[in-house]
PDB file of N, CA and C in Angstrom:
ATOM      1  N   MET A   1     145.647 167.092  89.311  1.00  0.00           N
ATOM      2  CA  MET A   1     145.619 166.461  90.609  1.00  0.00           C
ATOM      3  C   MET A   1     145.050 165.051  90.462  1.00  0.00           C
ATOM      4  N   ASP A   2     145.737 164.075  91.008  1.00  0.00           N
ATOM      5  CA  ASP A   2     145.266 162.691  90.994  1.00  0.00           C
ATOM      6  C   ASP A   2     144.618 162.367  92.322  1.00  0.00           C
ATOM      7  N   ARG A   3     143.696 161.450  92.281  1.00  0.00           N
ATOM      8  CA  ARG A   3     142.989 161.063  93.495  1.00  0.00           C
ATOM      9  C   ARG A   3     142.786 159.551  93.494  1.00  0.00           C
ATOM     10  N   ILE A   4     142.926 158.947  94.676  1.00  0.00           N
ATOM     11  CA  ILE A   4     142.578 157.545  94.875  1.00  0.00           C
ATOM     12  C   ILE A   4     141.821 157.440  96.192  1.00  0.00           C
ATOM     13  N   THR A   5     141.045 156.392  96.308  1.00  0.00           N
ATOM     14  CA  THR A   5     140.365 156.058  97.551  1.00  0.00           C
ATOM     15  C   THR A   5     140.840 154.687  97.967  1.00  0.00           C
ATOM     16  N   ILE A   6     141.135 154.515  99.243  1.00  0.00           N
ATOM     17  CA  ILE A   6     141.613 153.224  99.759  1.00  0.00           C
ATOM     18  C   ILE A   6     140.718 152.784 100.899  1.00  0.00           C
ATOM     19  N   LEU A   7     140.260 151.536 100.833  1.00  0.00           N
ATOM     20  CA  LEU A   7     139.479 150.943 101.905  1.00  0.00           C
ATOM     21  C   LEU A   7     140.387 149.998 102.674  1.00  0.00           C
ATOM     22  N   CYS A   8     140.514 150.233 103.973  1.00  0.00           N
ATOM     23  CA  CYS A   8     141.312 149.378 104.857  1.00  0.00           C
ATOM     24  C   CYS A   8     140.347 148.644 105.784  1.00  0.00           C
ATOM     25  N   CYS A   9     140.570 147.370 105.992  1.00  0.00           N
ATOM     26  CA  CYS A   9     139.684 146.586 106.840  1.00  0.00           C
ATOM     27  C   CYS A   9     140.524 145.606 107.650  1.00  0.00           C
ATOM     28  N   ALA A  10     140.419 145.697 108.991  1.00  0.00           N
ATOM     29  CA  ALA A  10     141.185 144.819 109.881  1.00  0.00           C
ATOM     30  C   ALA A  10     140.432 144.662 111.191  1.00  0.00           C
ATOM     31  N   ASN A  11     140.795 143.626 111.940  1.00  0.00           N
ATOM     32  CA  ASN A  11     140.205 143.487 113.271  1.00  0.00           C
ATOM     33  C   ASN A  11     140.891 144.466 114.223  1.00  0.00           C
ATOM     34  N   MET A  12     140.368 144.570 115.432  1.00  0.00           N
ATOM     35  CA  MET A  12     140.851 145.580 116.369  1.00  0.00           C
ATOM     36  C   MET A  12     142.320 145.378 116.739  1.00  0.00           C
ATOM     37  N   SER A  13     142.771 144.141 116.851  1.00  0.00           N
ATOM     38  CA  SER A  13     144.163 143.895 117.236  1.00  0.00           C
ATOM     39  C   SER A  13     145.119 143.964 116.043  1.00  0.00           C
ATOM     40  N   GLY A  14     144.574 143.964 114.811  1.00  0.00           N
ATOM     41  CA  GLY A  14     145.421 144.029 113.622  1.00  0.00           C
ATOM     42  C   GLY A  14     145.980 142.696 113.191  1.00  0.00           C
ATOM     43  N   THR A  15     145.516 141.601 113.792  1.00  0.00           N
ATOM     44  CA  THR A  15     146.033 140.286 113.426  1.00  0.00           C
ATOM     45  C   THR A  15     145.342 139.707 112.196  1.00  0.00           C
ATOM     46  N   ASP A  16     144.161 140.197 111.856  1.00  0.00           N
ATOM     47  CA  ASP A  16     143.422 139.708 110.692  1.00  0.00           C
ATOM     48  C   ASP A  16     143.140 140.899 109.788  1.00  0.00           C
ATOM     49  N   LYS A  17     143.829 140.954 108.642  1.00  0.00           N
ATOM     50  CA  LYS A  17     143.706 142.089 107.727  1.00  0.00           C
ATOM     51  C   LYS A  17     143.204 141.606 106.378  1.00  0.00           C
ATOM     52  N   GLN A  18     142.327 142.405 105.780  1.00  0.00           N
ATOM     53  CA  GLN A  18     141.855 142.137 104.425  1.00  0.00           C
ATOM     54  C   GLN A  18     142.773 142.848 103.435  1.00  0.00           C
ATOM     55  N   LYS A  19     142.730 142.397 102.174  1.00  0.00           N
ATOM     56  CA  LYS A  19     143.478 143.105 101.138  1.00  0.00           C
ATOM     57  C   LYS A  19     142.929 144.516 101.009  1.00  0.00           C
ATOM     58  N   LEU A  20     143.800 145.460 100.742  1.00  0.00           N
ATOM     59  CA  LEU A  20     143.360 146.827 100.522  1.00  0.00           C
ATOM     60  C   LEU A  20     142.517 146.896  99.255  1.00  0.00           C
ATOM     61  N   LEU A  21     141.519 147.746  99.277  1.00  0.00           N
ATOM     62  CA  LEU A  21     140.717 148.020  98.094  1.00  0.00           C
ATOM     63  C   LEU A  21     141.099 149.417  97.622  1.00  0.00           C
ATOM     64  N   VAL A  22     141.663 149.521  96.425  1.00  0.00           N
ATOM     65  CA  VAL A  22     142.126 150.789  95.878  1.00  0.00           C
ATOM     66  C   VAL A  22     141.212 151.169  94.716  1.00  0.00           C
ATOM     67  N   ILE A  23     140.658 152.382  94.791  1.00  0.00           N
ATOM     68  CA  ILE A  23     139.774 152.880  93.746  1.00  0.00           C
ATOM     69  C   ILE A  23     140.456 154.068  93.089  1.00  0.00           C
ATOM     70  N   GLY A  24     140.699 153.958  91.801  1.00  0.00           N
ATOM     71  CA  GLY A  24     141.332 155.030  91.052  1.00  0.00           C
ATOM     72  C   GLY A  24     140.464 155.461  89.885  1.00  0.00           C
ATOM     73  N   LYS A  25     140.938 156.413  89.123  1.00  0.00           N
ATOM     74  CA  LYS A  25     140.173 156.899  87.972  1.00  0.00           C
ATOM     75  C   LYS A  25     140.257 155.959  86.780  1.00  0.00           C
ATOM     76  N   ASN A  26     141.341 155.202  86.670  1.00  0.00           N
ATOM     77  CA  ASN A  26     141.526 154.285  85.547  1.00  0.00           C
ATOM     78  C   ASN A  26     141.645 152.864  86.065  1.00  0.00           C
ATOM     79  N   SER A  27     141.147 151.918  85.279  1.00  0.00           N
ATOM     80  CA  SER A  27     141.244 150.528  85.717  1.00  0.00           C
ATOM     81  C   SER A  27     142.684 150.029  85.674  1.00  0.00           C
ATOM     82  N   LYS A  28     143.496 150.596  84.781  1.00  0.00           N
ATOM     83  CA  LYS A  28     144.912 150.229  84.738  1.00  0.00           C
ATOM     84  C   LYS A  28     145.723 151.477  84.429  1.00  0.00           C
ATOM     85  N   SER A  29     146.415 151.980  85.422  1.00  0.00           N
ATOM     86  CA  SER A  29     147.216 153.196  85.250  1.00  0.00           C
ATOM     87  C   SER A  29     148.469 152.909  84.433  1.00  0.00           C
ATOM     88  N   ARG A  30     149.034 153.953  83.870  1.00  0.00           N
ATOM     89  CA  ARG A  30     150.252 153.794  83.069  1.00  0.00           C
ATOM     90  C   ARG A  30     151.408 153.237  83.884  1.00  0.00           C
ATOM     91  N   CYS A  31     151.437 153.539  85.174  1.00  0.00           N
ATOM     92  CA  CYS A  31     152.550 153.056  85.999  1.00  0.00           C
ATOM     93  C   CYS A  31     152.501 151.534  86.171  1.00  0.00           C
ATOM     94  N   PHE A  32     151.342 150.906  85.873  1.00  0.00           N
ATOM     95  CA  PHE A  32     151.209 149.452  85.988  1.00  0.00           C
ATOM     96  C   PHE A  32     151.196 148.764  84.627  1.00  0.00           C
ATOM     97  N   LYS A  33     151.697 149.423  83.580  1.00  0.00           N
ATOM     98  CA  LYS A  33     151.573 148.879  82.233  1.00  0.00           C
ATOM     99  C   LYS A  33     152.270 147.522  82.057  1.00  0.00           C
ATOM    100  N   CYS A  34     153.313 147.243  82.802  1.00  0.00           N
ATOM    101  CA  CYS A  34     154.022 145.963  82.686  1.00  0.00           C
ATOM    102  C   CYS A  34     153.734 145.037  83.857  1.00  0.00           C
ATOM    103  N   THR A  35     152.706 145.329  84.612  1.00  0.00           N
ATOM    104  CA  THR A  35     152.390 144.552  85.815  1.00  0.00           C
ATOM    105  C   THR A  35     151.053 143.857  85.647  1.00  0.00           C
ATOM    106  N   ARG A  36     151.010 142.599  86.065  1.00  0.00           N
ATOM    107  CA  ARG A  36     149.727 141.896  86.095  1.00  0.00           C
ATOM    108  C   ARG A  36     148.937 142.415  87.284  1.00  0.00           C
ATOM    109  N   MET A  37     147.743 142.916  87.056  1.00  0.00           N
ATOM    110  CA  MET A  37     146.954 143.519  88.119  1.00  0.00           C
ATOM    111  C   MET A  37     146.522 142.475  89.159  1.00  0.00           C
ATOM    112  N   ASN A  38     146.284 141.231  88.723  1.00  0.00           N
ATOM    113  CA  ASN A  38     145.879 140.206  89.692  1.00  0.00           C
ATOM    114  C   ASN A  38     147.057 139.709  90.524  1.00  0.00           C
ATOM    115  N   GLY A  39     148.261 140.138  90.208  1.00  0.00           N
ATOM    116  CA  GLY A  39     149.426 139.779  90.999  1.00  0.00           C
ATOM    117  C   GLY A  39     149.720 140.780  92.113  1.00  0.00           C
ATOM    118  N   LEU A  40     148.979 141.872  92.139  1.00  0.00           N
ATOM    119  CA  LEU A  40     149.198 142.895  93.169  1.00  0.00           C
ATOM    120  C   LEU A  40     148.546 142.472  94.486  1.00  0.00           C
ATOM    121  N   PRO A  41     149.084 142.928  95.602  1.00  0.00           N
ATOM    122  CA  PRO A  41     148.515 142.563  96.910  1.00  0.00           C
ATOM    123  C   PRO A  41     147.313 143.428  97.293  1.00  0.00           C
ATOM    124  N   VAL A  42     146.648 144.041  96.300  1.00  0.00           N
ATOM    125  CA  VAL A  42     145.468 144.868  96.538  1.00  0.00           C
ATOM    126  C   VAL A  42     144.400 144.522  95.517  1.00  0.00           C
ATOM    127  N   ASP A  43     143.150 144.864  95.831  1.00  0.00           N
ATOM    128  CA  ASP A  43     142.063 144.772  94.865  1.00  0.00           C
ATOM    129  C   ASP A  43     141.889 146.162  94.267  1.00  0.00           C
ATOM    130  N   CYS A  44     141.780 146.250  92.944  1.00  0.00           N
ATOM    131  CA  CYS A  44     141.678 147.543  92.273  1.00  0.00           C
ATOM    132  C   CYS A  44     140.333 147.681  91.571  1.00  0.00           C
ATOM    133  N   HIS A  45     139.762 148.869  91.656  1.00  0.00           N
ATOM    134  CA  HIS A  45     138.534 149.206  90.950  1.00  0.00           C
ATOM    135  C   HIS A  45     138.710 150.585  90.333  1.00  0.00           C
ATOM    136  N   ALA A  46     137.868 150.901  89.355  1.00  0.00           N
ATOM    137  CA  ALA A  46     137.939 152.201  88.701  1.00  0.00           C
ATOM    138  C   ALA A  46     136.593 152.906  88.809  1.00  0.00           C
ATOM    139  N   ASN A  47     136.673 154.212  88.929  1.00  0.00           N
ATOM    140  CA  ASN A  47     135.505 155.072  88.995  1.00  0.00           C
ATOM    141  C   ASN A  47     135.969 156.423  88.485  1.00  0.00           C
ATOM    142  N   LYS A  48     135.164 157.126  87.703  1.00  0.00           N
ATOM    143  CA  LYS A  48     135.639 158.374  87.093  1.00  0.00           C
ATOM    144  C   LYS A  48     136.057 159.425  88.114  1.00  0.00           C
ATOM    145  N   ASN A  49     135.501 159.365  89.331  1.00  0.00           N
ATOM    146  CA  ASN A  49     135.896 160.307  90.386  1.00  0.00           C
ATOM    147  C   ASN A  49     136.828 159.683  91.410  1.00  0.00           C
ATOM    148  N   ALA A  50     137.114 158.406  91.270  1.00  0.00           N
ATOM    149  CA  ALA A  50     137.942 157.657  92.227  1.00  0.00           C
ATOM    150  C   ALA A  50     137.295 157.636  93.605  1.00  0.00           C
ATOM    151  N   TRP A  51     135.958 157.604  93.636  1.00  0.00           N
ATOM    152  CA  TRP A  51     135.215 157.569  94.889  1.00  0.00           C
ATOM    153  C   TRP A  51     134.664 156.182  95.157  1.00  0.00           C
ATOM    154  N   MET A  52     134.393 155.916  96.418  1.00  0.00           N
ATOM    155  CA  MET A  52     133.692 154.700  96.808  1.00  0.00           C
ATOM    156  C   MET A  52     132.230 154.857  96.401  1.00  0.00           C
ATOM    157  N   THR A  53     131.690 153.845  95.731  1.00  0.00           N
ATOM    158  CA  THR A  53     130.269 153.835  95.392  1.00  0.00           C
ATOM    159  C   THR A  53     129.608 152.690  96.122  1.00  0.00           C
ATOM    160  N   SER A  54     128.302 152.726  96.203  1.00  0.00           N
ATOM    161  CA  SER A  54     127.596 151.648  96.902  1.00  0.00           C
ATOM    162  C   SER A  54     127.773 150.324  96.173  1.00  0.00           C
ATOM    163  N   ASP A  55     127.881 150.335  94.838  1.00  0.00           N
ATOM    164  CA  ASP A  55     128.101 149.082  94.095  1.00  0.00           C
ATOM    165  C   ASP A  55     129.460 148.473  94.426  1.00  0.00           C
ATOM    166  N   ILE A  56     130.500 149.292  94.440  1.00  0.00           N
ATOM    167  CA  ILE A  56     131.841 148.792  94.764  1.00  0.00           C
ATOM    168  C   ILE A  56     131.872 148.267  96.189  1.00  0.00           C
ATOM    169  N   PHE A  57     131.287 149.013  97.117  1.00  0.00           N
ATOM    170  CA  PHE A  57     131.275 148.605  98.522  1.00  0.00           C
ATOM    171  C   PHE A  57     130.483 147.309  98.714  1.00  0.00           C
ATOM    172  N   GLN A  58     129.342 147.222  98.064  1.00  0.00           N
ATOM    173  CA  GLN A  58     128.519 146.026  98.190  1.00  0.00           C
ATOM    174  C   GLN A  58     129.227 144.809  97.601  1.00  0.00           C
ATOM    175  N   ASN A  59     129.864 144.947  96.449  1.00  0.00           N
ATOM    176  CA  ASN A  59     130.608 143.831  95.856  1.00  0.00           C
ATOM    177  C   ASN A  59     131.751 143.391  96.758  1.00  0.00           C
ATOM    178  N   TYR A  60     132.444 144.352  97.377  1.00  0.00           N
ATOM    179  CA  TYR A  60     133.530 144.038  98.302  1.00  0.00           C
ATOM    180  C   TYR A  60     133.000 143.233  99.490  1.00  0.00           C
ATOM    181  N   LEU A  61     131.892 143.693 100.076  1.00  0.00           N
ATOM    182  CA  LEU A  61     131.327 142.993 101.237  1.00  0.00           C
ATOM    183  C   LEU A  61     130.808 141.607 100.877  1.00  0.00           C
ATOM    184  N   MET A  62     130.161 141.469  99.735  1.00  0.00           N
ATOM    185  CA  MET A  62     129.636 140.162  99.331  1.00  0.00           C
ATOM    186  C   MET A  62     130.773 139.168  99.081  1.00  0.00           C
ATOM    187  N   SER A  63     131.838 139.627  98.478  1.00  0.00           N
ATOM    188  CA  SER A  63     132.998 138.760  98.257  1.00  0.00           C
ATOM    189  C   SER A  63     133.615 138.326  99.586  1.00  0.00           C
ATOM    190  N   TRP A  64     133.750 139.259 100.498  1.00  0.00           N
ATOM    191  CA  TRP A  64     134.307 138.951 101.817  1.00  0.00           C
ATOM    192  C   TRP A  64     133.381 138.024 102.588  1.00  0.00           C
ATOM    193  N   ASP A  65     132.076 138.233 102.465  1.00  0.00           N
ATOM    194  CA  ASP A  65     131.101 137.381 103.142  1.00  0.00           C
ATOM    195  C   ASP A  65     131.205 135.931 102.660  1.00  0.00           C
ATOM    196  N   LYS A  66     131.371 135.734 101.359  1.00  0.00           N
ATOM    197  CA  LYS A  66     131.537 134.375 100.817  1.00  0.00           C
ATOM    198  C   LYS A  66     132.779 133.718 101.401  1.00  0.00           C
ATOM    199  N   SER A  67     133.859 134.479 101.515  1.00  0.00           N
ATOM    200  CA  SER A  67     135.090 133.960 102.103  1.00  0.00           C
ATOM    201  C   SER A  67     134.875 133.573 103.567  1.00  0.00           C
ATOM    202  N   LEU A  68     134.168 134.415 104.311  1.00  0.00           N
ATOM    203  CA  LEU A  68     133.895 134.118 105.720  1.00  0.00           C
ATOM    204  C   LEU A  68     132.999 132.889 105.865  1.00  0.00           C
ATOM    205  N   GLN A  69     132.036 132.721 104.969  1.00  0.00           N
ATOM    206  CA  GLN A  69     131.164 131.547 105.016  1.00  0.00           C
ATOM    207  C   GLN A  69     131.943 130.266 104.754  1.00  0.00           C
ATOM    208  N   ARG A  70     132.888 130.303 103.810  1.00  0.00           N
ATOM    209  CA  ARG A  70     133.717 129.119 103.543  1.00  0.00           C
ATOM    210  C   ARG A  70     134.528 128.732 104.775  1.00  0.00           C
ATOM    211  N   GLU A  71     134.982 129.740 105.536  1.00  0.00           N
ATOM    212  CA  GLU A  71     135.774 129.494 106.744  1.00  0.00           C
ATOM    213  C   GLU A  71     134.906 129.256 107.974  1.00  0.00           C
ATOM    214  N   LYS A  72     133.562 129.333 107.795  1.00  0.00           N
ATOM    215  CA  LYS A  72     132.605 129.161 108.895  1.00  0.00           C
ATOM    216  C   LYS A  72     132.891 130.144 110.036  1.00  0.00           C
ATOM    217  N   ARG A  73     133.080 131.414 109.655  1.00  0.00           N
ATOM    218  CA  ARG A  73     133.365 132.476 110.627  1.00  0.00           C
ATOM    219  C   ARG A  73     132.218 133.463 110.663  1.00  0.00           C
ATOM    220  N   ASN A  74     131.983 134.018 111.828  1.00  0.00           N
ATOM    221  CA  ASN A  74     131.032 135.098 112.013  1.00  0.00           C
ATOM    222  C   ASN A  74     131.786 136.303 112.544  1.00  0.00           C
ATOM    223  N   ILE A  75     131.393 137.488 112.089  1.00  0.00           N
ATOM    224  CA  ILE A  75     132.034 138.709 112.550  1.00  0.00           C
ATOM    225  C   ILE A  75     130.966 139.752 112.861  1.00  0.00           C
ATOM    226  N   PHE A  76     131.373 140.772 113.571  1.00  0.00           N
ATOM    227  CA  PHE A  76     130.547 141.947 113.816  1.00  0.00           C
ATOM    228  C   PHE A  76     131.229 143.101 113.116  1.00  0.00           C
ATOM    229  N   LEU A  77     130.540 143.717 112.156  1.00  0.00           N
ATOM    230  CA  LEU A  77     131.143 144.746 111.320  1.00  0.00           C
ATOM    231  C   LEU A  77     130.535 146.101 111.656  1.00  0.00           C
ATOM    232  N   LEU A  78     131.382 147.064 111.974  1.00  0.00           N
ATOM    233  CA  LEU A  78     130.944 148.428 112.222  1.00  0.00           C
ATOM    234  C   LEU A  78     131.241 149.270 110.984  1.00  0.00           C
ATOM    235  N   VAL A  79     130.216 149.969 110.492  1.00  0.00           N
ATOM    236  CA  VAL A  79     130.347 150.795 109.300  1.00  0.00           C
ATOM    237  C   VAL A  79     129.689 152.138 109.587  1.00  0.00           C
ATOM    238  N   ASP A  80     130.309 153.223 109.146  1.00  0.00           N
ATOM    239  CA  ASP A  80     129.711 154.546 109.384  1.00  0.00           C
ATOM    240  C   ASP A  80     128.531 154.783 108.437  1.00  0.00           C
ATOM    241  N   ASN A  81     127.952 155.961 108.506  1.00  0.00           N
ATOM    242  CA  ASN A  81     126.737 156.230 107.723  1.00  0.00           C
ATOM    243  C   ASN A  81     127.015 156.947 106.401  1.00  0.00           C
ATOM    244  N   CYS A  82     128.124 156.668 105.786  1.00  0.00           N
ATOM    245  CA  CYS A  82     128.448 157.233 104.479  1.00  0.00           C
ATOM    246  C   CYS A  82     127.392 156.780 103.457  1.00  0.00           C
ATOM    247  N   SER A  83     127.055 157.649 102.515  1.00  0.00           N
ATOM    248  CA  SER A  83     126.027 157.309 101.530  1.00  0.00           C
ATOM    249  C   SER A  83     126.436 156.145 100.622  1.00  0.00           C
ATOM    250  N   ALA A  84     127.731 155.842 100.542  1.00  0.00           N
ATOM    251  CA  ALA A  84     128.184 154.702  99.732  1.00  0.00           C
ATOM    252  C   ALA A  84     127.984 153.376 100.455  1.00  0.00           C
ATOM    253  N   HIS A  85     127.635 153.423 101.734  1.00  0.00           N
ATOM    254  CA  HIS A  85     127.424 152.200 102.509  1.00  0.00           C
ATOM    255  C   HIS A  85     125.933 151.919 102.598  1.00  0.00           C
ATOM    256  N   PRO A  86     125.426 151.047 101.726  1.00  0.00           N
ATOM    257  CA  PRO A  86     123.983 150.777 101.712  1.00  0.00           C
ATOM    258  C   PRO A  86     123.563 149.887 102.881  1.00  0.00           C
ATOM    259  N   ASN A  87     122.281 149.899 103.171  1.00  0.00           N
ATOM    260  CA  ASN A  87     121.738 148.960 104.154  1.00  0.00           C
ATOM    261  C   ASN A  87     121.628 147.606 103.486  1.00  0.00           C
ATOM    262  N   LEU A  88     122.374 146.631 103.995  1.00  0.00           N
ATOM    263  CA  LEU A  88     122.369 145.286 103.413  1.00  0.00           C
ATOM    264  C   LEU A  88     121.621 144.351 104.318  1.00  0.00           C
ATOM    265  N   ALA A  89     120.862 143.457 103.722  1.00  0.00           N
ATOM    266  CA  ALA A  89     120.171 142.442 104.514  1.00  0.00           C
ATOM    267  C   ALA A  89     121.198 141.446 105.020  1.00  0.00           C
ATOM    268  N   ALA A  90     120.991 140.966 106.225  1.00  0.00           N
ATOM    269  CA  ALA A  90     121.943 140.027 106.845  1.00  0.00           C
ATOM    270  C   ALA A  90     121.937 138.693 106.169  1.00  0.00           C
TER     271      ALA A  90
END
């Protein structure tokens, strides 16, 4: 059985969407052997269980935060209480 985790992030109206974050067991699956991973329309990460971890989630948020700062944008982000979602300082 194969497993992947996908993080989807968009505003309420769906007009502003982030790239999907796909977490799989391998950093490069056999099905992508002839594909450049940075050319895909998703961000890929690997984890032995294909689960979201607090490190992956935190890196995703910090990268997105840098992008928002460059655009001089502020957002309100709602996140559930999953153990992979750490308390981050504002």
